[in-house]
Protein backbone atom coordinates (compact mmCIF):
# COMPACT_ATOMS: atom_id res chain seq x y z
CA UNK A 1 56.79 -215.25 -31.21
CA UNK A 2 54.31 -214.77 -28.23
CA UNK A 3 50.47 -214.58 -27.80
CA UNK A 4 50.53 -211.05 -28.17
CA UNK A 5 52.11 -210.60 -31.54
CA UNK A 6 50.34 -213.70 -32.87
CA UNK A 7 46.95 -212.56 -31.87
CA UNK A 8 47.63 -209.73 -33.77
CA UNK A 9 48.88 -210.95 -37.18
CA UNK A 10 46.00 -212.67 -36.95
CA UNK A 11 43.45 -210.22 -36.79
CA UNK A 12 45.52 -208.09 -39.47
CA UNK A 13 44.99 -211.45 -41.77
CA UNK A 14 41.38 -211.73 -40.91
CA UNK A 15 40.55 -208.18 -41.66
CA UNK A 16 41.90 -208.53 -45.15
CA UNK A 17 39.71 -211.87 -45.91
CA UNK A 18 36.62 -210.25 -47.78
CA UNK A 19 33.56 -212.03 -49.00
CA UNK A 20 33.48 -213.21 -52.83
CA UNK A 21 29.76 -214.58 -52.28
CA UNK A 22 27.10 -215.42 -50.13
CA UNK A 23 29.46 -218.58 -48.89
CA UNK A 24 32.79 -218.09 -50.12
CA UNK A 25 35.66 -215.78 -48.99
CA UNK A 26 39.04 -214.86 -50.79
CA UNK A 27 42.58 -213.18 -49.58
CA UNK A 28 44.01 -211.00 -52.40
CA UNK A 29 48.03 -210.62 -52.26
CA UNK A 30 50.54 -212.61 -50.03
CA UNK A 31 50.89 -213.50 -46.64
CA UNK A 32 53.78 -212.52 -45.45
CA UNK A 33 56.14 -214.71 -43.27
CA UNK A 34 54.60 -213.24 -39.76
CA UNK A 35 51.20 -214.28 -41.01
CA UNK A 36 52.34 -217.61 -41.81
CA UNK A 37 54.26 -217.83 -38.53
CA UNK A 38 51.13 -216.61 -36.89
CA UNK A 39 49.26 -219.42 -38.36
CA UNK A 40 51.64 -222.24 -37.42
CA UNK A 41 51.39 -220.84 -33.47
CA UNK A 42 47.92 -221.05 -33.37
CA UNK A 43 47.85 -224.73 -34.62
CA UNK A 44 50.49 -225.56 -32.71
CA UNK A 45 48.53 -224.61 -29.69
CA UNK A 46 45.20 -226.34 -30.77
CA UNK A 47 47.41 -229.65 -31.88
CA UNK A 48 48.74 -229.14 -27.75
CA UNK A 49 52.41 -228.66 -28.76
CA UNK A 50 55.01 -226.19 -27.66
CA UNK A 51 54.38 -222.95 -30.17
CA UNK A 52 57.25 -221.06 -28.22
CA UNK A 53 59.23 -222.98 -30.77
CA UNK A 54 57.62 -221.73 -33.92
CA UNK A 55 59.84 -219.00 -35.54
CA UNK A 56 59.04 -217.35 -39.26
CA UNK A 57 62.58 -218.77 -40.43
CA UNK A 58 61.80 -222.36 -39.40
CA UNK A 59 58.88 -222.26 -41.25
CA UNK A 60 58.18 -224.09 -44.85
CA UNK A 61 57.82 -221.18 -47.48
CA UNK A 62 54.04 -222.08 -49.32
CA UNK A 63 53.54 -220.79 -52.73
CA UNK A 64 51.02 -218.04 -53.29
CA UNK A 65 49.90 -217.25 -56.66
CA UNK A 66 49.52 -213.79 -56.91
CA UNK A 67 46.27 -212.27 -57.33
CA UNK A 68 45.51 -211.04 -61.27
CA UNK A 69 46.64 -207.12 -61.47
CA UNK A 70 47.02 -207.09 -57.79
CA UNK A 71 46.24 -203.36 -56.63
CA UNK A 72 48.62 -201.81 -54.31
CA UNK A 73 46.68 -200.93 -50.77
CA UNK A 74 47.33 -197.72 -50.77
CA UNK A 75 46.20 -196.92 -54.07
CA UNK A 76 43.04 -198.54 -54.02
CA UNK A 77 42.54 -195.99 -50.62
CA UNK A 78 42.93 -193.14 -52.78
CA UNK A 79 41.10 -194.35 -55.92
CA UNK A 80 37.91 -195.64 -53.74
CA UNK A 81 35.06 -192.83 -53.69
CA UNK A 82 34.35 -191.21 -50.93
CA UNK A 83 31.01 -191.98 -49.34
CA UNK A 84 29.43 -189.99 -46.64
CA UNK A 85 30.01 -190.73 -43.23
CA UNK A 86 27.29 -190.33 -41.02
CA UNK A 87 28.27 -187.95 -37.94
CA UNK A 88 26.28 -188.83 -34.61
CA UNK A 89 25.29 -185.71 -33.74
CA UNK A 90 23.29 -186.65 -31.01
CA UNK A 91 25.08 -184.36 -28.36
CA UNK A 92 23.83 -181.12 -29.54
CA UNK A 93 20.30 -182.68 -28.89
CA UNK A 94 20.48 -183.59 -24.97
CA UNK A 95 18.84 -181.41 -22.36
CA UNK A 96 20.94 -179.38 -20.39
CA UNK A 97 23.43 -180.92 -18.25
CA UNK A 98 23.38 -180.64 -14.43
CA UNK A 99 25.37 -178.08 -12.71
CA UNK A 100 26.23 -179.87 -10.00
CA UNK A 101 28.45 -182.49 -12.39
CA UNK A 102 31.41 -181.32 -14.27
CA UNK A 103 34.77 -183.16 -15.60
CA UNK A 104 38.54 -182.01 -16.20
CA UNK A 105 40.33 -183.32 -18.64
CA UNK A 106 44.00 -183.52 -17.98
CA UNK A 107 45.61 -184.20 -21.71
CA UNK A 108 49.00 -185.58 -20.95
CA UNK A 109 51.96 -186.09 -22.87
CA UNK A 110 52.86 -189.42 -21.64
CA UNK A 111 49.36 -190.46 -20.23
CA UNK A 112 46.06 -188.85 -19.76
CA UNK A 113 43.38 -188.56 -16.72
CA UNK A 114 40.21 -187.33 -15.94
CA UNK A 115 38.31 -186.96 -13.01
CA UNK A 116 34.27 -186.56 -12.30
CA UNK A 117 33.24 -184.85 -9.66
CA UNK A 118 29.80 -184.90 -8.29
CA UNK A 119 28.25 -182.32 -5.86
CA UNK A 120 25.34 -182.87 -3.72
CA UNK A 121 22.05 -181.30 -4.81
CA UNK A 122 21.79 -179.52 -1.22
CA UNK A 123 25.30 -178.84 0.21
CA UNK A 124 28.12 -178.14 -2.12
CA UNK A 125 30.88 -178.55 -0.21
CA UNK A 126 29.79 -182.28 -0.27
CA UNK A 127 31.79 -184.03 -3.19
CA UNK A 128 31.27 -187.23 -4.58
CA UNK A 129 35.20 -187.62 -6.72
CA UNK A 130 35.35 -191.02 -9.31
CA UNK A 131 38.84 -190.55 -10.44
CA UNK A 132 37.61 -192.18 -13.49
CA UNK A 133 39.45 -195.36 -14.50
CA UNK A 134 40.24 -194.55 -18.27
CA UNK A 135 42.49 -197.67 -18.22
CA UNK A 136 39.86 -200.45 -18.45
CA UNK A 137 38.22 -199.64 -21.19
CA UNK A 138 41.41 -198.91 -22.96
CA UNK A 139 42.27 -202.16 -22.29
CA UNK A 140 45.85 -201.42 -20.34
CA UNK A 141 44.78 -202.99 -17.21
CA UNK A 142 48.50 -203.76 -16.25
CA UNK A 143 49.84 -200.57 -17.12
CA UNK A 144 46.94 -198.49 -14.90
CA UNK A 145 43.49 -197.93 -14.16
CA UNK A 146 43.24 -194.42 -13.66
CA UNK A 147 45.80 -192.89 -16.71
CA UNK A 148 45.60 -193.81 -20.05
CA UNK A 149 48.84 -194.16 -22.67
CA UNK A 150 49.28 -191.12 -24.61
CA UNK A 151 49.62 -193.14 -27.91
CA UNK A 152 48.90 -193.15 -31.84
CA UNK A 153 49.89 -195.62 -34.43
CA UNK A 154 48.94 -196.04 -37.75
CA UNK A 155 49.57 -199.79 -38.98
CA UNK A 156 50.47 -200.95 -42.82
CA UNK A 157 46.70 -201.55 -43.47
CA UNK A 158 45.86 -197.89 -41.94
CA UNK A 159 44.37 -198.01 -39.17
CA UNK A 160 44.56 -196.52 -36.18
CA UNK A 161 45.40 -197.49 -32.95
CA UNK A 162 45.64 -195.61 -29.89
CA UNK A 163 46.81 -196.39 -25.94
CA UNK A 164 48.02 -199.53 -25.14
CA UNK A 165 47.13 -201.47 -28.26
CA UNK A 166 49.11 -198.96 -30.22
CA UNK A 167 51.91 -199.70 -28.30
CA UNK A 168 51.16 -203.41 -28.78
CA UNK A 169 50.52 -202.86 -33.10
CA UNK A 170 54.05 -200.85 -32.99
CA UNK A 171 55.94 -203.57 -31.46
CA UNK A 172 54.85 -206.08 -34.10
CA UNK A 173 55.46 -203.88 -36.93
CA UNK A 174 57.85 -201.32 -36.08
CA UNK A 175 60.55 -203.76 -34.10
CA UNK A 176 62.76 -203.55 -37.64
CA UNK A 177 62.97 -199.52 -37.32
CA UNK A 178 61.08 -198.69 -40.36
CA UNK A 179 57.82 -198.01 -38.16
CA UNK A 180 57.47 -196.00 -35.55
CA UNK A 181 54.22 -195.03 -33.32
CA UNK A 182 53.53 -191.15 -31.97
CA UNK A 183 54.36 -191.13 -27.98
CA UNK A 184 53.67 -186.98 -27.90
CA UNK A 185 51.06 -186.43 -29.41
CA UNK A 186 50.61 -183.10 -27.17
CA UNK A 187 53.95 -181.56 -28.40
CA UNK A 188 51.43 -180.83 -31.88
CA UNK A 189 49.91 -178.36 -29.74
CA UNK A 190 52.39 -176.50 -27.33
CA UNK A 191 55.36 -177.07 -29.93
CA UNK A 192 52.84 -175.19 -32.24
CA UNK A 193 52.95 -177.85 -35.13
CA UNK A 194 49.17 -178.07 -35.92
CA UNK A 195 50.29 -177.77 -39.20
CA UNK A 196 52.88 -180.10 -39.93
CA UNK A 197 52.73 -183.06 -42.02
CA UNK A 198 53.88 -186.42 -40.48
CA UNK A 199 56.76 -188.17 -42.32
CA UNK A 200 56.42 -192.07 -44.13
CA UNK A 201 57.34 -193.46 -40.95
CA UNK A 202 54.42 -192.26 -38.76
CA UNK A 203 52.13 -192.42 -41.88
CA UNK A 204 52.40 -195.16 -44.05
CA UNK A 205 49.26 -193.81 -46.09
CA UNK A 206 49.06 -192.23 -49.16
CA UNK A 207 46.31 -189.60 -47.37
CA UNK A 208 48.18 -186.27 -46.02
CA UNK A 209 47.50 -185.91 -42.33
CA UNK A 210 49.02 -183.09 -39.93
CA UNK A 211 49.97 -182.76 -36.32
CA UNK A 212 46.22 -181.47 -35.69
CA UNK A 213 44.71 -184.96 -37.64
CA UNK A 214 46.22 -187.08 -35.37
CA UNK A 215 45.85 -184.77 -31.96
CA UNK A 216 42.47 -184.58 -32.73
CA UNK A 217 42.14 -188.39 -33.27
CA UNK A 218 44.10 -189.13 -29.88
CA UNK A 219 41.57 -187.04 -28.38
CA UNK A 220 38.62 -188.61 -29.66
CA UNK A 221 40.03 -192.04 -28.38
CA UNK A 222 40.74 -190.14 -24.77
CA UNK A 223 36.81 -189.05 -24.91
CA UNK A 224 35.55 -192.36 -25.80
CA UNK A 225 37.02 -194.04 -23.04
CA UNK A 226 35.60 -190.78 -20.90
CA UNK A 227 32.28 -191.79 -22.62
CA UNK A 228 32.37 -195.49 -21.62
CA UNK A 229 33.03 -194.71 -17.87
CA UNK A 230 31.67 -191.62 -17.12
CA UNK A 231 28.30 -192.98 -18.27
CA UNK A 232 28.39 -195.81 -15.40
CA UNK A 233 27.67 -192.65 -13.05
CA UNK A 234 24.55 -191.82 -15.14
CA UNK A 235 25.93 -188.55 -16.14
CA UNK A 236 25.29 -187.20 -19.72
CA UNK A 237 27.69 -187.02 -22.62
CA UNK A 238 27.18 -183.23 -22.74
CA UNK A 239 28.44 -182.66 -19.30
CA UNK A 240 30.61 -179.51 -18.28
CA UNK A 241 34.13 -180.60 -18.69
CA UNK A 242 37.20 -178.28 -17.96
CA UNK A 243 40.77 -178.77 -19.28
CA UNK A 244 43.74 -178.40 -18.26
CA UNK A 245 47.44 -176.87 -20.06
CA UNK A 246 50.45 -176.44 -19.18
CA UNK A 247 51.62 -172.78 -18.66
CA UNK A 248 52.66 -170.59 -21.52
CA UNK A 249 53.14 -167.38 -22.23
CA UNK A 250 50.21 -165.24 -22.64
CA UNK A 251 49.95 -165.10 -26.41
CA UNK A 252 50.27 -168.94 -26.90
CA UNK A 253 48.14 -170.09 -24.16
CA UNK A 254 45.40 -167.92 -25.81
CA UNK A 255 46.29 -169.94 -28.77
CA UNK A 256 46.89 -173.31 -27.60
CA UNK A 257 43.25 -172.71 -25.44
CA UNK A 258 41.08 -171.51 -28.39
CA UNK A 259 42.64 -174.44 -30.37
CA UNK A 260 42.14 -177.43 -27.93
CA UNK A 261 38.64 -176.06 -26.85
CA UNK A 262 37.32 -176.74 -30.73
CA UNK A 263 39.57 -179.87 -30.39
CA UNK A 264 37.48 -181.15 -28.10
CA UNK A 265 34.40 -180.07 -29.30
CA UNK A 266 35.04 -182.05 -31.99
CA UNK A 267 36.31 -185.36 -30.64
CA UNK A 268 32.85 -185.72 -28.52
CA UNK A 269 31.28 -185.82 -31.96
CA UNK A 270 33.80 -188.20 -33.48
CA UNK A 271 33.83 -190.36 -30.33
CA UNK A 272 30.09 -190.77 -30.68
CA UNK A 273 30.39 -191.41 -34.74
CA UNK A 274 32.87 -193.84 -34.51
CA UNK A 275 31.92 -195.77 -30.86
CA UNK A 276 32.06 -198.83 -32.42
CA UNK A 277 35.03 -198.92 -34.48
CA UNK A 278 37.43 -196.57 -32.42
CA UNK A 279 38.90 -199.04 -30.42
CA UNK A 280 39.11 -202.19 -32.94
CA UNK A 281 41.11 -200.35 -36.17
CA UNK A 282 39.33 -197.02 -37.10
CA UNK A 283 40.48 -196.64 -41.05
CA UNK A 284 42.40 -193.62 -41.91
CA UNK A 285 40.17 -192.80 -44.84
CA UNK A 286 37.07 -192.86 -42.14
CA UNK A 287 38.50 -190.36 -39.72
CA UNK A 288 39.80 -187.84 -41.93
CA UNK A 289 36.31 -187.79 -44.46
CA UNK A 290 34.37 -187.68 -41.14
CA UNK A 291 36.33 -184.63 -40.09
CA UNK A 292 36.40 -182.76 -43.38
CA UNK A 293 32.18 -183.25 -43.15
CA UNK A 294 31.96 -182.15 -39.59
CA UNK A 295 34.21 -179.28 -40.42
CA UNK A 296 31.94 -178.06 -43.13
CA UNK A 297 29.66 -176.53 -40.69
CA UNK A 298 30.35 -174.34 -37.99
CA UNK A 299 29.18 -175.59 -34.46
CA UNK A 300 29.59 -174.31 -30.52
CA UNK A 301 30.66 -176.94 -28.47
CA UNK A 302 28.99 -174.96 -25.07
CA UNK A 303 29.72 -178.23 -22.91
CA UNK A 304 33.92 -177.31 -23.07
CA UNK A 305 34.28 -175.14 -20.77
CA UNK A 306 37.38 -173.67 -18.07
CA UNK A 307 40.54 -173.81 -19.02
CA UNK A 308 43.18 -174.13 -15.93
CA UNK A 309 46.73 -174.51 -15.53
CA UNK A 310 47.80 -177.77 -14.59
CA UNK A 311 49.69 -175.82 -11.07
CA UNK A 312 46.27 -174.10 -11.00
CA UNK A 313 44.75 -177.61 -11.05
CA UNK A 314 47.14 -179.01 -8.17
CA UNK A 315 46.45 -176.59 -5.98
CA UNK A 316 42.92 -176.75 -6.14
CA UNK A 317 43.07 -180.64 -5.21
CA UNK A 318 44.98 -179.50 -1.93
CA UNK A 319 42.64 -177.69 0.01
CA UNK A 320 39.79 -178.76 2.18
CA UNK A 321 37.41 -176.40 3.97
CA UNK A 322 37.32 -178.69 7.03
CA UNK A 323 40.90 -178.01 7.10
CA UNK A 324 43.36 -175.54 8.97
CA UNK A 325 46.29 -174.35 7.14
CA UNK A 326 47.79 -171.10 5.97
CA UNK A 327 51.01 -171.33 3.88
CA UNK A 328 53.03 -170.19 1.21
CA UNK A 329 53.37 -173.61 -1.31
CA UNK A 330 55.63 -173.75 -4.40
CA UNK A 331 53.45 -176.13 -6.75
CA UNK A 332 56.20 -177.79 -9.17
CA UNK A 333 54.57 -180.19 -11.70
CA UNK A 334 56.81 -182.58 -13.78
CA UNK A 335 55.45 -184.13 -16.99
CA UNK A 336 56.45 -185.71 -19.77
CA UNK A 337 56.64 -182.54 -21.56
CA UNK A 338 56.66 -179.72 -19.72
CA UNK A 339 57.48 -178.60 -16.59
CA UNK A 340 55.53 -176.05 -15.01
CA UNK A 341 55.70 -173.79 -11.31
CA UNK A 342 53.82 -171.67 -9.50
CA UNK A 343 53.50 -169.80 -6.01
CA UNK A 344 50.33 -170.00 -3.88
CA UNK A 345 49.37 -168.86 -0.32
CA UNK A 346 46.56 -171.40 0.52
CA UNK A 347 44.43 -170.78 3.18
CA UNK A 348 41.84 -173.05 4.67
CA UNK A 349 39.43 -172.55 7.58
CA UNK A 350 37.46 -174.76 8.74
CA UNK A 351 35.43 -172.87 11.63
CA UNK A 352 34.78 -170.25 9.21
CA UNK A 353 34.43 -172.72 5.95
CA UNK A 354 37.10 -171.15 3.95
CA UNK A 355 39.12 -172.56 1.26
CA UNK A 356 41.32 -170.39 -0.59
CA UNK A 357 44.16 -170.56 -3.03
CA UNK A 358 45.79 -167.17 -3.80
CA UNK A 359 48.37 -167.26 -7.04
CA UNK A 360 51.33 -164.60 -6.79
CA UNK A 361 50.75 -162.64 -9.86
CA UNK A 362 53.28 -163.35 -12.64
CA UNK A 363 54.25 -166.78 -10.63
CA UNK A 364 52.60 -169.19 -13.09
CA UNK A 365 55.53 -170.00 -15.89
CA UNK A 366 56.92 -173.36 -17.33
CA UNK A 367 59.92 -174.69 -19.34
CA UNK A 368 59.90 -177.13 -22.18
CA UNK A 369 61.86 -179.59 -20.39
CA UNK A 370 60.79 -182.74 -18.57
CA UNK A 371 60.48 -186.35 -19.16
CA UNK A 372 60.63 -187.06 -23.02
CA UNK A 373 63.46 -184.39 -22.73
CA UNK A 374 65.47 -186.93 -20.45
CA UNK A 375 64.33 -189.66 -22.64
CA UNK A 376 66.38 -187.99 -25.36
CA UNK A 377 69.30 -187.65 -23.77
CA UNK A 378 69.24 -191.19 -22.57
CA UNK A 379 68.74 -192.66 -26.51
CA UNK A 380 71.61 -190.26 -27.31
CA UNK A 381 73.72 -192.09 -24.21
CA UNK A 382 72.74 -195.47 -25.23
CA UNK A 383 73.57 -194.89 -29.14
CA UNK A 384 77.00 -193.24 -27.68
CA UNK A 385 77.79 -196.12 -25.95
CA UNK A 386 77.04 -198.49 -28.46
CA UNK A 387 79.26 -196.66 -31.08
CA UNK A 388 76.35 -195.90 -33.50
CA UNK A 389 77.24 -192.56 -35.42
CA UNK A 390 74.82 -190.74 -37.98
CA UNK A 391 76.29 -191.90 -40.59
CA UNK A 392 75.72 -195.44 -39.62
CA UNK A 393 73.42 -197.14 -42.28
CA UNK A 394 71.59 -198.48 -39.15
CA UNK A 395 71.24 -195.31 -37.31
CA UNK A 396 67.56 -194.69 -38.06
CA UNK A 397 66.08 -198.07 -37.35
CA UNK A 398 67.84 -198.71 -34.38
CA UNK A 399 66.97 -195.14 -32.95
CA UNK A 400 62.96 -196.32 -34.25
CA UNK A 401 63.55 -199.37 -32.93
CA UNK A 402 64.94 -198.06 -29.46
CA UNK A 403 62.32 -195.29 -29.45
CA UNK A 404 59.41 -197.76 -28.73
CA UNK A 405 60.45 -198.76 -25.36
CA UNK A 406 62.76 -196.22 -23.94
CA UNK A 407 60.38 -194.76 -21.63
CA UNK A 408 60.23 -198.08 -19.59
CA UNK A 409 64.04 -198.34 -19.67
CA UNK A 410 64.01 -194.89 -18.33
CA UNK A 411 62.04 -195.80 -15.16
CA UNK A 412 64.24 -199.00 -14.77
CA UNK A 413 67.10 -196.95 -15.08
CA UNK A 414 65.94 -194.44 -12.20
CA UNK A 415 64.80 -197.11 -9.85
CA UNK A 416 67.37 -199.69 -10.26
CA UNK A 417 70.41 -197.47 -11.33
CA UNK A 418 71.94 -199.64 -13.85
CA UNK A 419 70.15 -200.93 -17.14
CA UNK A 420 70.91 -203.37 -19.97
CA UNK A 421 69.47 -202.46 -23.27
CA UNK A 422 69.42 -205.00 -26.48
CA UNK A 423 69.64 -202.98 -29.15
CA UNK A 424 68.18 -203.95 -32.76
CA UNK A 425 71.04 -205.64 -34.07
CA UNK A 426 71.73 -207.86 -31.03
CA UNK A 427 74.21 -205.44 -29.52
CA UNK A 428 73.97 -205.42 -25.58
CA UNK A 429 74.86 -201.73 -23.82
CA UNK A 430 75.41 -201.46 -20.24
CA UNK A 431 74.02 -198.02 -18.59
CA UNK A 432 74.62 -196.67 -15.13
CA UNK A 433 72.62 -193.88 -13.57
CA UNK A 434 75.32 -191.66 -12.92
CA UNK A 435 76.46 -191.48 -16.54
CA UNK A 436 73.48 -190.14 -17.28
CA UNK A 437 73.54 -187.40 -14.32
CA UNK A 438 76.77 -186.24 -15.90
CA UNK A 439 75.31 -185.21 -19.12
CA UNK A 440 75.45 -182.14 -20.59
CA UNK A 441 71.39 -182.15 -21.57
CA UNK A 442 70.45 -183.49 -18.33
CA UNK A 443 72.98 -180.77 -16.48
CA UNK A 444 70.88 -178.34 -18.38
CA UNK A 445 67.69 -180.07 -17.20
CA UNK A 446 68.63 -179.59 -13.98
CA UNK A 447 69.63 -176.19 -14.50
CA UNK A 448 66.72 -174.25 -15.94
CA UNK A 449 64.34 -176.02 -13.54
CA UNK A 450 66.41 -174.56 -10.66
CA UNK A 451 66.69 -171.24 -12.25
CA UNK A 452 62.42 -171.44 -13.71
CA UNK A 453 61.88 -171.48 -10.02
CA UNK A 454 64.78 -168.90 -8.70
CA UNK A 455 63.48 -166.07 -11.62
CA UNK A 456 60.07 -166.75 -10.79
CA UNK A 457 60.83 -165.56 -6.96
CA UNK A 458 62.90 -162.45 -8.59
CA UNK A 459 60.52 -161.35 -10.52
CA UNK A 460 57.40 -161.39 -8.02
CA UNK A 461 56.47 -158.73 -5.29
CA UNK A 462 58.86 -158.66 -2.75
CA UNK A 463 56.23 -159.49 -0.28
CA UNK A 464 56.28 -162.82 -1.47
CA UNK A 465 59.92 -163.11 -1.43
CA UNK A 466 59.99 -161.44 2.60
CA UNK A 467 57.38 -164.63 3.77
CA UNK A 468 59.23 -167.26 2.27
CA UNK A 469 62.30 -166.33 3.97
CA UNK A 470 60.65 -165.64 7.36
CA UNK A 471 58.47 -168.99 7.32
CA UNK A 472 60.29 -171.13 4.57
CA UNK A 473 58.76 -172.28 1.65
CA UNK A 474 56.83 -175.50 1.09
CA UNK A 475 57.09 -177.74 -2.08
CA UNK A 476 54.60 -179.96 -3.15
CA UNK A 477 56.13 -182.34 -6.15
CA UNK A 478 53.63 -183.34 -8.62
CA UNK A 479 53.79 -185.19 -12.16
CA UNK A 480 55.15 -188.27 -13.79
CA UNK A 481 58.91 -186.88 -12.77
CA UNK A 482 57.96 -185.78 -9.48
CA UNK A 483 59.75 -189.23 -8.07
CA UNK A 484 63.03 -188.92 -9.58
CA UNK A 485 65.73 -188.56 -7.29
CA UNK A 486 67.45 -185.70 -8.58
CA UNK A 487 64.17 -183.39 -9.14
CA UNK A 488 63.50 -184.19 -5.49
CA UNK A 489 67.26 -183.29 -4.71
CA UNK A 490 66.70 -179.89 -6.79
CA UNK A 491 63.79 -178.62 -4.92
CA UNK A 492 65.12 -178.62 -1.44
CA UNK A 493 67.60 -176.82 0.47
CA UNK A 494 68.37 -173.29 -0.13
CA UNK A 495 67.91 -171.02 -2.47
CA UNK A 496 69.17 -167.08 -2.51
CA UNK A 497 66.82 -164.74 -3.81
CA UNK A 498 66.89 -160.92 -3.24
CA UNK A 499 69.47 -160.87 -0.79
CA UNK A 500 67.27 -163.28 0.92
CA UNK A 501 67.65 -167.13 2.12
CA UNK A 502 64.54 -169.14 1.39
CA UNK A 503 64.62 -172.49 2.85
CA UNK A 504 62.74 -175.08 0.69
CA UNK A 505 60.60 -177.81 2.66
CA UNK A 506 59.94 -180.68 0.70
CA UNK A 507 56.20 -181.71 1.64
CA UNK A 508 54.13 -185.09 1.49
CA UNK A 509 52.06 -184.13 -1.89
CA UNK A 510 48.69 -185.92 -0.97
CA UNK A 511 46.48 -184.25 1.12
CA UNK A 512 44.97 -185.38 4.23
CA UNK A 513 40.87 -184.49 3.13
CA UNK A 514 41.68 -187.50 0.20
CA UNK A 515 43.48 -189.84 2.15
CA UNK A 516 40.55 -190.07 4.66
CA UNK A 517 37.88 -189.77 1.30
CA UNK A 518 40.04 -192.35 -0.39
CA UNK A 519 43.63 -193.64 0.35
CA UNK A 520 44.04 -195.90 -2.34
CA UNK A 521 44.24 -192.98 -4.61
CA UNK A 522 47.90 -192.02 -2.74
CA UNK A 523 50.12 -193.17 -5.22
CA UNK A 524 48.72 -192.24 -7.98
CA UNK A 525 47.70 -188.67 -6.50
CA UNK A 526 51.23 -186.55 -8.52
CA UNK A 527 49.49 -187.97 -11.55
CA UNK A 528 46.24 -187.20 -11.42
CA UNK A 529 46.38 -184.37 -9.09
CA UNK A 530 45.63 -181.62 -12.29
CA UNK A 531 42.41 -183.66 -13.32
CA UNK A 532 40.78 -184.28 -9.58
CA UNK A 533 41.91 -180.23 -8.24
CA UNK A 534 40.41 -179.25 -11.89
CA UNK A 535 37.24 -181.01 -11.41
CA UNK A 536 36.36 -179.51 -7.91
CA UNK A 537 32.88 -176.61 -7.84
CA UNK A 538 35.43 -173.99 -6.31
CA UNK A 539 38.02 -173.22 -8.85
CA UNK A 540 40.19 -170.69 -7.93
CA UNK A 541 41.77 -169.42 -11.38
CA UNK A 542 40.61 -165.90 -11.02
CA UNK A 543 42.16 -165.63 -7.32
CA UNK A 544 45.86 -163.72 -7.85
CA UNK A 545 47.11 -161.01 -6.18
CA UNK A 546 50.24 -159.07 -5.96
CA UNK A 547 51.18 -158.93 -2.74
CA UNK A 548 50.43 -161.58 0.09
CA UNK A 549 49.19 -160.99 3.43
CA UNK A 550 52.20 -159.98 5.97
CA UNK A 551 50.65 -162.90 8.67
CA UNK A 552 51.40 -165.91 6.64
CA UNK A 553 51.86 -168.70 9.06
CA UNK A 554 52.18 -172.45 9.86
CA UNK A 555 54.22 -175.85 10.01
CA UNK A 556 56.18 -176.17 6.87
CA UNK A 557 55.22 -179.87 7.32
CA UNK A 558 51.74 -179.25 5.71
CA UNK A 559 50.53 -182.50 7.81
CA UNK A 560 47.09 -181.75 6.35
CA UNK A 561 45.11 -179.69 4.25
């Protein structure tokens, strides 16, 4: 047992202790082996002994008298009378915020990001950019300051935990494979699974929860972290906020935008309402009660404004009016849930004060294959090499335990090209990166990504292809998967389109104007580019062209935007 595990167990134990009268408290039910081990762990620390030697199996079992007529906490949760939640609706009473300030929220499959941009009162070209350090209020400094873990976990006591705390709590309760956390909350939105009911492995409470419920719960937490950080810059909570979306076909795009717009508005009210408890274990019962009350009245969330595609946010982050560039650029954003591409003509002229990005009509598109797809492929490879088939009685528990760390395993495998995984049953499995590359799902990912780019170029106007074949095509890779070697290899070399050969020139993704402004952002830029670009005053979403100009010229190295 380590400190983190002991701390979580002791907090859970203390939370179950209830006041009996003015001077007495009581603990109903039984103390679990883990809680007993945590108590001995704490005692060993206080006595100056080595707590690492404490293990539940080596501890004496203390008799505990059962409480008379014990009540199942789950049944108690249902039977308890619903008391109204006092909603904090102060967001609707705030004065109109400054038009010189705006947020852009990038709700990610694995990590979420947000950027605050403040323009000078007298000169809109002067921008003050703050990539919000959401990881600080999210207690995940060791992971990232600028990116927030997009995870949610409901513990056995019916409490909601988010981000890094979701990871910590699930690591304790879910290590036997009987419980799982939700690491891809965004999928309920992108896969039209809002109405899907969570199974007991995710939701141990008797209260029915849907994908839409946990999606809103996570957005509440993300909004809370945004509020915590943005308030330090003196902006109002009803500041204009834009939000990024993957590239969907038109009908789905409209549906997702409408749903996300409403959820982000509701998330602000709930973040205000539960500001003191959202990060310390929020009861599912309180959350669902507040949502019911909130939706009893139709509300308008005017502070949630513009949606933008993820490649569009990247394009908007690249250009500076102080630069000189005219270049066709393919933007490929490899996230955890989707991979999105689009083609732009980037144009910046310092003397004329021009900063323009024209998107090729029909170029924005995406595929539902990205980092999570590779996670699943790696999971299947590990299970295959371990010889654990679907009819194995421990299949589900081993898979559930493996899912808690599969992202870390994947990163380690791609970085070191080899990996050793110890499964729940104690079996050690060795994996080489070439074994993953040879799997059909991984070959399919490579094929579909290349096909997505090729089909896009085949279907847009011939003028774009002609210009790209004449001058080569600059490629900008962004997103959490942009550093994968196989992605970098896919987006280089040559592509044959409409009888023409287009040479792909991969370029550095960090724009020169931002390097001068804040060079410390270079490592994080592939992941924060969407929110950073989306927060800038001049958004380029409405600039779409059927044909490109015939005078696109420039060096393919894109030395500075």
